[in-house]
PDB file of all heavy atoms in Angstrom:
ATOM      1  N   PRO A   1     115.731 145.497 -49.604  1.00  0.00           N
ATOM      2  CA  PRO A   1     116.905 144.726 -49.197  1.00  0.00           C
ATOM      3  C   PRO A   1     117.422 143.869 -50.343  1.00  0.00           C
ATOM      4  O   PRO A   1     116.689 143.536 -51.277  1.00  0.00           O
ATOM      5  CB  PRO A   1     116.367 143.854 -48.060  1.00  0.00           C
ATOM      6  CG  PRO A   1     114.925 143.676 -48.398  1.00  0.00           C
ATOM      7  CD  PRO A   1     114.498 144.965 -49.026  1.00  0.00           C
ATOM      8  N   GLU A   2     118.688 143.535 -50.292  1.00  0.00           N
ATOM      9  CA  GLU A   2     119.243 142.585 -51.245  1.00  0.00           C
ATOM     10  C   GLU A   2     120.414 141.870 -50.605  1.00  0.00           C
ATOM     11  O   GLU A   2     120.931 142.287 -49.568  1.00  0.00           O
ATOM     12  CB  GLU A   2     119.676 143.271 -52.542  1.00  0.00           C
ATOM     13  CG  GLU A   2     120.902 144.152 -52.428  1.00  0.00           C
ATOM     14  CD  GLU A   2     121.341 144.672 -53.802  1.00  0.00           C
ATOM     15  OE1 GLU A   2     120.497 145.217 -54.525  1.00  0.00           O
ATOM     16  OE2 GLU A   2     122.531 144.532 -54.118  1.00  0.00           O
ATOM     17  N   THR A   3     120.811 140.781 -51.209  1.00  0.00           N
ATOM     18  CA  THR A   3     121.942 139.988 -50.737  1.00  0.00           C
ATOM     19  C   THR A   3     123.059 140.091 -51.764  1.00  0.00           C
ATOM     20  O   THR A   3     122.811 140.051 -52.977  1.00  0.00           O
ATOM     21  CB  THR A   3     121.536 138.517 -50.562  1.00  0.00           C
ATOM     22  OG1 THR A   3     120.446 138.455 -49.637  1.00  0.00           O
ATOM     23  CG2 THR A   3     122.689 137.682 -50.034  1.00  0.00           C
ATOM     24  N   TYR A   4     124.287 140.233 -51.277  1.00  0.00           N
ATOM     25  CA  TYR A   4     125.430 140.319 -52.176  1.00  0.00           C
ATOM     26  C   TYR A   4     125.563 139.028 -52.993  1.00  0.00           C
ATOM     27  O   TYR A   4     125.486 137.936 -52.413  1.00  0.00           O
ATOM     28  CB  TYR A   4     126.713 140.546 -51.361  1.00  0.00           C
ATOM     29  CG  TYR A   4     127.955 140.741 -52.209  1.00  0.00           C
ATOM     30  CD1 TYR A   4     128.194 141.964 -52.827  1.00  0.00           C
ATOM     31  CD2 TYR A   4     128.871 139.709 -52.378  1.00  0.00           C
ATOM     32  CE1 TYR A   4     129.323 142.149 -53.593  1.00  0.00           C
ATOM     33  CE2 TYR A   4     129.997 139.889 -53.150  1.00  0.00           C
ATOM     34  CZ  TYR A   4     130.220 141.108 -53.757  1.00  0.00           C
ATOM     35  OH  TYR A   4     131.343 141.290 -54.521  1.00  0.00           O
ATOM     36  N   ASP A   5     125.695 139.060 -54.249  1.00  0.00           N
ATOM     37  CA  ASP A   5     125.879 140.148 -55.187  1.00  0.00           C
ATOM     38  C   ASP A   5     124.596 140.290 -56.001  1.00  0.00           C
ATOM     39  O   ASP A   5     124.381 139.561 -56.957  1.00  0.00           O
ATOM     40  CB  ASP A   5     127.077 139.821 -56.057  1.00  0.00           C
ATOM     41  CG  ASP A   5     127.440 140.878 -57.076  1.00  0.00           C
ATOM     42  OD1 ASP A   5     127.149 142.058 -56.839  1.00  0.00           O
ATOM     43  OD2 ASP A   5     128.024 140.512 -58.096  1.00  0.00           O
ATOM     44  N   ASP A   6     123.705 141.234 -55.566  1.00  0.00           N
ATOM     45  CA  ASP A   6     122.426 141.509 -56.225  1.00  0.00           C
ATOM     46  C   ASP A   6     121.567 140.261 -56.366  1.00  0.00           C
ATOM     47  O   ASP A   6     120.953 140.015 -57.412  1.00  0.00           O
ATOM     48  CB  ASP A   6     122.662 142.147 -57.599  1.00  0.00           C
ATOM     49  CG  ASP A   6     121.380 142.769 -58.167  1.00  0.00           C
ATOM     50  OD1 ASP A   6     120.538 143.195 -57.359  1.00  0.00           O
ATOM     51  OD2 ASP A   6     121.236 142.808 -59.396  1.00  0.00           O
ATOM     52  N   ALA A   7     121.522 139.453 -55.283  1.00  0.00           N
ATOM     53  CA  ALA A   7     120.764 138.201 -55.316  1.00  0.00           C
ATOM     54  C   ALA A   7     119.345 138.425 -54.812  1.00  0.00           C
ATOM     55  O   ALA A   7     119.059 139.366 -54.065  1.00  0.00           O
ATOM     56  CB  ALA A   7     121.453 137.138 -54.472  1.00  0.00           C
ATOM     57  N   ALA A   8     118.447 137.521 -55.201  1.00  0.00           N
ATOM     58  CA  ALA A   8     117.043 137.638 -54.815  1.00  0.00           C
ATOM     59  C   ALA A   8     116.842 137.440 -53.325  1.00  0.00           C
ATOM     60  O   ALA A   8     116.004 138.076 -52.707  1.00  0.00           O
ATOM     61  CB  ALA A   8     116.203 136.625 -55.592  1.00  0.00           C
ATOM     62  N   ASN A   9     117.604 136.531 -52.723  1.00  0.00           N
ATOM     63  CA  ASN A   9     117.515 136.328 -51.288  1.00  0.00           C
ATOM     64  C   ASN A   9     118.819 135.716 -50.786  1.00  0.00           C
ATOM     65  O   ASN A   9     119.762 135.480 -51.545  1.00  0.00           O
ATOM     66  CB  ASN A   9     116.308 135.462 -50.893  1.00  0.00           C
ATOM     67  CG  ASN A   9     116.341 134.099 -51.569  1.00  0.00           C
ATOM     68  OD1 ASN A   9     117.394 133.476 -51.707  1.00  0.00           O
ATOM     69  ND2 ASN A   9     115.180 133.618 -51.971  1.00  0.00           N
ATOM     70  N   PHE A  10     118.860 135.459 -49.491  1.00  0.00           N
ATOM     71  CA  PHE A  10     120.077 135.002 -48.811  1.00  0.00           C
ATOM     72  C   PHE A  10     120.654 133.730 -49.434  1.00  0.00           C
ATOM     73  O   PHE A  10     121.868 133.580 -49.568  1.00  0.00           O
ATOM     74  CB  PHE A  10     119.738 134.771 -47.341  1.00  0.00           C
ATOM     75  CG  PHE A  10     120.895 134.318 -46.498  1.00  0.00           C
ATOM     76  CD1 PHE A  10     121.794 135.227 -45.995  1.00  0.00           C
ATOM     77  CD2 PHE A  10     121.072 132.980 -46.214  1.00  0.00           C
ATOM     78  CE1 PHE A  10     122.858 134.816 -45.216  1.00  0.00           C
ATOM     79  CE2 PHE A  10     122.127 132.554 -45.442  1.00  0.00           C
ATOM     80  CZ  PHE A  10     123.024 133.478 -44.938  1.00  0.00           C
ATOM     81  N   TYR A  11     119.788 132.809 -49.836  1.00  0.00           N
ATOM     82  CA  TYR A  11     120.245 131.515 -50.323  1.00  0.00           C
ATOM     83  C   TYR A  11     120.926 131.607 -51.685  1.00  0.00           C
ATOM     84  O   TYR A  11     121.723 130.745 -52.041  1.00  0.00           O
ATOM     85  CB  TYR A  11     119.075 130.527 -50.380  1.00  0.00           C
ATOM     86  CG  TYR A  11     118.516 130.250 -49.010  1.00  0.00           C
ATOM     87  CD1 TYR A  11     117.356 130.890 -48.571  1.00  0.00           C
ATOM     88  CD2 TYR A  11     119.154 129.379 -48.141  1.00  0.00           C
ATOM     89  CE1 TYR A  11     116.846 130.662 -47.308  1.00  0.00           C
ATOM     90  CE2 TYR A  11     118.649 129.145 -46.872  1.00  0.00           C
ATOM     91  CZ  TYR A  11     117.502 129.784 -46.467  1.00  0.00           C
ATOM     92  OH  TYR A  11     117.006 129.561 -45.208  1.00  0.00           O
ATOM     93  N   TYR A  12     120.608 132.650 -52.447  1.00  0.00           N
ATOM     94  CA  TYR A  12     121.209 132.803 -53.762  1.00  0.00           C
ATOM     95  C   TYR A  12     122.390 133.775 -53.739  1.00  0.00           C
ATOM     96  O   TYR A  12     122.989 134.060 -54.772  1.00  0.00           O
ATOM     97  CB  TYR A  12     120.164 133.288 -54.771  1.00  0.00           C
ATOM     98  CG  TYR A  12     119.074 132.283 -55.022  1.00  0.00           C
ATOM     99  CD1 TYR A  12     117.837 132.392 -54.402  1.00  0.00           C
ATOM    100  CD2 TYR A  12     119.289 131.205 -55.877  1.00  0.00           C
ATOM    101  CE1 TYR A  12     116.834 131.465 -54.636  1.00  0.00           C
ATOM    102  CE2 TYR A  12     118.291 130.270 -56.109  1.00  0.00           C
ATOM    103  CZ  TYR A  12     117.062 130.413 -55.487  1.00  0.00           C
ATOM    104  OH  TYR A  12     116.082 129.485 -55.705  1.00  0.00           O
ATOM    105  N   GLY A  13     122.737 134.275 -52.565  1.00  0.00           N
ATOM    106  CA  GLY A  13     123.826 135.227 -52.442  1.00  0.00           C
ATOM    107  C   GLY A  13     125.182 134.617 -52.752  1.00  0.00           C
ATOM    108  O   GLY A  13     125.369 133.401 -52.788  1.00  0.00           O
ATOM    109  N   LEU A  14     126.165 135.495 -52.975  1.00  0.00           N
ATOM    110  CA  LEU A  14     127.525 135.073 -53.276  1.00  0.00           C
ATOM    111  C   LEU A  14     128.309 134.930 -51.980  1.00  0.00           C
ATOM    112  O   LEU A  14     128.310 135.828 -51.137  1.00  0.00           O
ATOM    113  CB  LEU A  14     128.193 136.113 -54.187  1.00  0.00           C
ATOM    114  CG  LEU A  14     129.595 135.793 -54.696  1.00  0.00           C
ATOM    115  CD1 LEU A  14     129.554 134.576 -55.619  1.00  0.00           C
ATOM    116  CD2 LEU A  14     130.169 136.994 -55.447  1.00  0.00           C
ATOM    117  N   ASP A  15     128.966 133.795 -51.797  1.00  0.00           N
ATOM    118  CA  ASP A  15     129.773 133.575 -50.601  1.00  0.00           C
ATOM    119  C   ASP A  15     130.954 134.540 -50.565  1.00  0.00           C
ATOM    120  O   ASP A  15     131.578 134.840 -51.599  1.00  0.00           O
ATOM    121  CB  ASP A  15     130.316 132.144 -50.557  1.00  0.00           C
ATOM    122  CG  ASP A  15     129.222 131.112 -50.333  1.00  0.00           C
ATOM    123  OD1 ASP A  15     128.136 131.507 -49.883  1.00  0.00           O
ATOM    124  OD2 ASP A  15     129.468 129.919 -50.602  1.00  0.00           O
ATOM    125  N   VAL A  16     131.259 135.004 -49.351  1.00  0.00           N
ATOM    126  CA  VAL A  16     132.440 135.835 -49.124  1.00  0.00           C
ATOM    127  C   VAL A  16     133.311 135.112 -48.098  1.00  0.00           C
ATOM    128  O   VAL A  16     132.911 134.948 -46.945  1.00  0.00           O
ATOM    129  CB  VAL A  16     132.065 137.242 -48.605  1.00  0.00           C
ATOM    130  CG1 VAL A  16     133.318 138.071 -48.375  1.00  0.00           C
ATOM    131  CG2 VAL A  16     131.137 137.935 -49.588  1.00  0.00           C
ATOM    132  N   ILE A  17     134.482 134.651 -48.517  1.00  0.00           N
ATOM    133  CA  ILE A  17     135.379 133.902 -47.646  1.00  0.00           C
ATOM    134  C   ILE A  17     136.352 134.878 -46.986  1.00  0.00           C
ATOM    135  O   ILE A  17     137.064 135.624 -47.662  1.00  0.00           O
ATOM    136  CB  ILE A  17     136.164 132.837 -48.430  1.00  0.00           C
ATOM    137  CG1 ILE A  17     135.200 131.962 -49.250  1.00  0.00           C
ATOM    138  CG2 ILE A  17     137.006 131.990 -47.487  1.00  0.00           C
ATOM    139  CD1 ILE A  17     134.183 131.227 -48.411  1.00  0.00           C
ATOM    140  N   ILE A  18     136.383 134.865 -45.644  1.00  0.00           N
ATOM    141  CA  ILE A  18     137.249 135.777 -44.907  1.00  0.00           C
ATOM    142  C   ILE A  18     138.278 134.979 -44.126  1.00  0.00           C
ATOM    143  O   ILE A  18     137.946 134.362 -43.098  1.00  0.00           O
ATOM    144  CB  ILE A  18     136.438 136.671 -43.948  1.00  0.00           C
ATOM    145  CG1 ILE A  18     135.362 137.432 -44.722  1.00  0.00           C
ATOM    146  CG2 ILE A  18     137.362 137.642 -43.208  1.00  0.00           C
ATOM    147  CD1 ILE A  18     134.512 138.335 -43.866  1.00  0.00           C
ATOM    148  N   PRO A  19     139.534 134.926 -44.583  1.00  0.00           N
ATOM    149  CA  PRO A  19     140.584 134.274 -43.791  1.00  0.00           C
ATOM    150  C   PRO A  19     140.799 135.026 -42.486  1.00  0.00           C
ATOM    151  O   PRO A  19     140.437 136.206 -42.347  1.00  0.00           O
ATOM    152  CB  PRO A  19     141.821 134.370 -44.690  1.00  0.00           C
ATOM    153  CG  PRO A  19     141.287 134.640 -46.066  1.00  0.00           C
ATOM    154  CD  PRO A  19     140.025 135.430 -45.858  1.00  0.00           C
ATOM    155  N   GLU A  20     141.390 134.366 -41.525  1.00  0.00           N
ATOM    156  CA  GLU A  20     141.644 134.971 -40.225  1.00  0.00           C
ATOM    157  C   GLU A  20     142.517 136.215 -40.371  1.00  0.00           C
ATOM    158  O   GLU A  20     143.496 136.222 -41.122  1.00  0.00           O
ATOM    159  CB  GLU A  20     142.333 133.956 -39.314  1.00  0.00           C
ATOM    160  CG  GLU A  20     142.525 134.445 -37.874  1.00  0.00           C
ATOM    161  CD  GLU A  20     143.116 133.373 -36.980  1.00  0.00           C
ATOM    162  OE1 GLU A  20     143.191 132.214 -37.415  1.00  0.00           O
ATOM    163  OE2 GLU A  20     143.512 133.704 -35.855  1.00  0.00           O
ATOM    164  N   ALA A  21     142.139 137.275 -39.635  1.00  0.00           N
ATOM    165  CA  ALA A  21     142.902 138.535 -39.583  1.00  0.00           C
ATOM    166  C   ALA A  21     143.065 139.158 -40.970  1.00  0.00           C
ATOM    167  O   ALA A  21     144.112 139.726 -41.292  1.00  0.00           O
ATOM    168  CB  ALA A  21     144.261 138.314 -38.930  1.00  0.00           C
ATOM    169  N   THR A  22     142.019 139.062 -41.808  1.00  0.00           N
ATOM    170  CA  THR A  22     142.070 139.611 -43.164  1.00  0.00           C
ATOM    171  C   THR A  22     140.882 140.520 -43.389  1.00  0.00           C
ATOM    172  O   THR A  22     139.785 140.270 -42.905  1.00  0.00           O
ATOM    173  CB  THR A  22     142.064 138.475 -44.206  1.00  0.00           C
ATOM    174  OG1 THR A  22     143.170 137.609 -43.970  1.00  0.00           O
ATOM    175  CG2 THR A  22     142.157 139.041 -45.618  1.00  0.00           C
ATOM    176  N   GLU A  23     141.088 141.615 -44.118  1.00  0.00           N
ATOM    177  CA  GLU A  23     140.020 142.522 -44.487  1.00  0.00           C
ATOM    178  C   GLU A  23     139.637 142.288 -45.944  1.00  0.00           C
ATOM    179  O   GLU A  23     140.501 142.162 -46.810  1.00  0.00           O
ATOM    180  CB  GLU A  23     140.442 143.974 -44.291  1.00  0.00           C
ATOM    181  CG  GLU A  23     140.658 144.364 -42.827  1.00  0.00           C
ATOM    182  CD  GLU A  23     140.997 145.831 -42.679  1.00  0.00           C
ATOM    183  OE1 GLU A  23     141.120 146.523 -43.705  1.00  0.00           O
ATOM    184  OE2 GLU A  23     141.127 146.284 -41.533  1.00  0.00           O
ATOM    185  N   ILE A  24     138.350 142.218 -46.211  1.00  0.00           N
ATOM    186  CA  ILE A  24     137.838 142.063 -47.572  1.00  0.00           C
ATOM    187  C   ILE A  24     137.198 143.385 -47.987  1.00  0.00           C
ATOM    188  O   ILE A  24     136.296 143.889 -47.312  1.00  0.00           O
ATOM    189  CB  ILE A  24     136.810 140.924 -47.663  1.00  0.00           C
ATOM    190  CG1 ILE A  24     137.434 139.604 -47.201  1.00  0.00           C
ATOM    191  CG2 ILE A  24     136.283 140.798 -49.083  1.00  0.00           C
ATOM    192  CD1 ILE A  24     138.546 139.104 -48.068  1.00  0.00           C
ATOM    193  N   MET A  25     137.647 143.948 -49.096  1.00  0.00           N
ATOM    194  CA  MET A  25     137.149 145.233 -49.561  1.00  0.00           C
ATOM    195  C   MET A  25     136.234 145.037 -50.773  1.00  0.00           C
ATOM    196  O   MET A  25     136.259 143.996 -51.446  1.00  0.00           O
ATOM    197  CB  MET A  25     138.326 146.141 -49.946  1.00  0.00           C
ATOM    198  CG  MET A  25     139.428 146.219 -48.886  1.00  0.00           C
ATOM    199  SD  MET A  25     138.855 146.918 -47.310  1.00  0.00           S
ATOM    200  CE  MET A  25     138.623 148.625 -47.800  1.00  0.00           C
ATOM    201  N   GLY A  26     135.436 146.060 -51.059  1.00  0.00           N
ATOM    202  CA  GLY A  26     134.645 146.078 -52.288  1.00  0.00           C
ATOM    203  C   GLY A  26     133.362 145.277 -52.239  1.00  0.00           C
ATOM    204  O   GLY A  26     132.827 144.916 -53.282  1.00  0.00           O
ATOM    205  N   ILE A  27     132.841 144.958 -51.035  1.00  0.00           N
ATOM    206  CA  ILE A  27     131.541 144.273 -50.934  1.00  0.00           C
ATOM    207  C   ILE A  27     130.468 145.355 -50.942  1.00  0.00           C
ATOM    208  O   ILE A  27     129.984 145.807 -49.900  1.00  0.00           O
ATOM    209  CB  ILE A  27     131.467 143.400 -49.669  1.00  0.00           C
ATOM    210  CG1 ILE A  27     132.655 142.455 -49.603  1.00  0.00           C
ATOM    211  CG2 ILE A  27     130.159 142.621 -49.642  1.00  0.00           C
ATOM    212  CD1 ILE A  27     132.754 141.510 -50.784  1.00  0.00           C
ATOM    213  N   ASN A  28     130.122 145.812 -52.135  1.00  0.00           N
ATOM    214  CA  ASN A  28     129.255 146.959 -52.317  1.00  0.00           C
ATOM    215  C   ASN A  28     127.844 146.542 -52.710  1.00  0.00           C
ATOM    216  O   ASN A  28     127.597 145.404 -53.104  1.00  0.00           O
ATOM    217  CB  ASN A  28     129.825 147.890 -53.394  1.00  0.00           C
ATOM    218  CG  ASN A  28     131.250 148.315 -53.089  1.00  0.00           C
ATOM    219  OD1 ASN A  28     131.610 148.541 -51.925  1.00  0.00           O
ATOM    220  ND2 ASN A  28     132.080 148.411 -54.121  1.00  0.00           N
ATOM    221  N   ALA A  29     126.926 147.480 -52.586  1.00  0.00           N
ATOM    222  CA  ALA A  29     125.547 147.235 -52.999  1.00  0.00           C
ATOM    223  C   ALA A  29     124.930 148.525 -53.519  1.00  0.00           C
ATOM    224  O   ALA A  29     125.265 149.622 -53.048  1.00  0.00           O
ATOM    225  CB  ALA A  29     124.726 146.694 -51.837  1.00  0.00           C
ATOM    226  N   SER A  30     124.062 148.408 -54.493  1.00  0.00           N
ATOM    227  CA  SER A  30     123.296 149.530 -55.008  1.00  0.00           C
ATOM    228  C   SER A  30     121.823 149.201 -54.788  1.00  0.00           C
ATOM    229  O   SER A  30     121.250 148.374 -55.507  1.00  0.00           O
ATOM    230  CB  SER A  30     123.600 149.747 -56.496  1.00  0.00           C
ATOM    231  OG  SER A  30     122.823 150.817 -57.011  1.00  0.00           O
ATOM    232  N   LEU A  31     121.228 149.819 -53.768  1.00  0.00           N
ATOM    233  CA  LEU A  31     119.874 149.454 -53.358  1.00  0.00           C
ATOM    234  C   LEU A  31     118.811 150.175 -54.186  1.00  0.00           C
ATOM    235  O   LEU A  31     118.920 151.379 -54.448  1.00  0.00           O
ATOM    236  CB  LEU A  31     119.669 149.766 -51.873  1.00  0.00           C
ATOM    237  CG  LEU A  31     120.605 149.074 -50.882  1.00  0.00           C
ATOM    238  CD1 LEU A  31     120.222 149.422 -49.453  1.00  0.00           C
ATOM    239  CD2 LEU A  31     120.599 147.569 -51.088  1.00  0.00           C
ATOM    240  N   ALA A  32     117.791 149.436 -54.557  1.00  0.00           N
ATOM    241  CA  ALA A  32     116.660 150.010 -55.284  1.00  0.00           C
ATOM    242  C   ALA A  32     115.654 150.590 -54.291  1.00  0.00           C
ATOM    243  O   ALA A  32     115.598 150.176 -53.121  1.00  0.00           O
ATOM    244  CB  ALA A  32     115.995 148.941 -56.142  1.00  0.00           C
TER     245      ALA A  32
END
């Protein structure tokens, strides 16, 4: 498992801000 963006755990992950009625693209992951 990993947390976006390739973080060690949830607390070090990158925030993703989603405004109302908006789609966010490109939240990808390459799992080891």
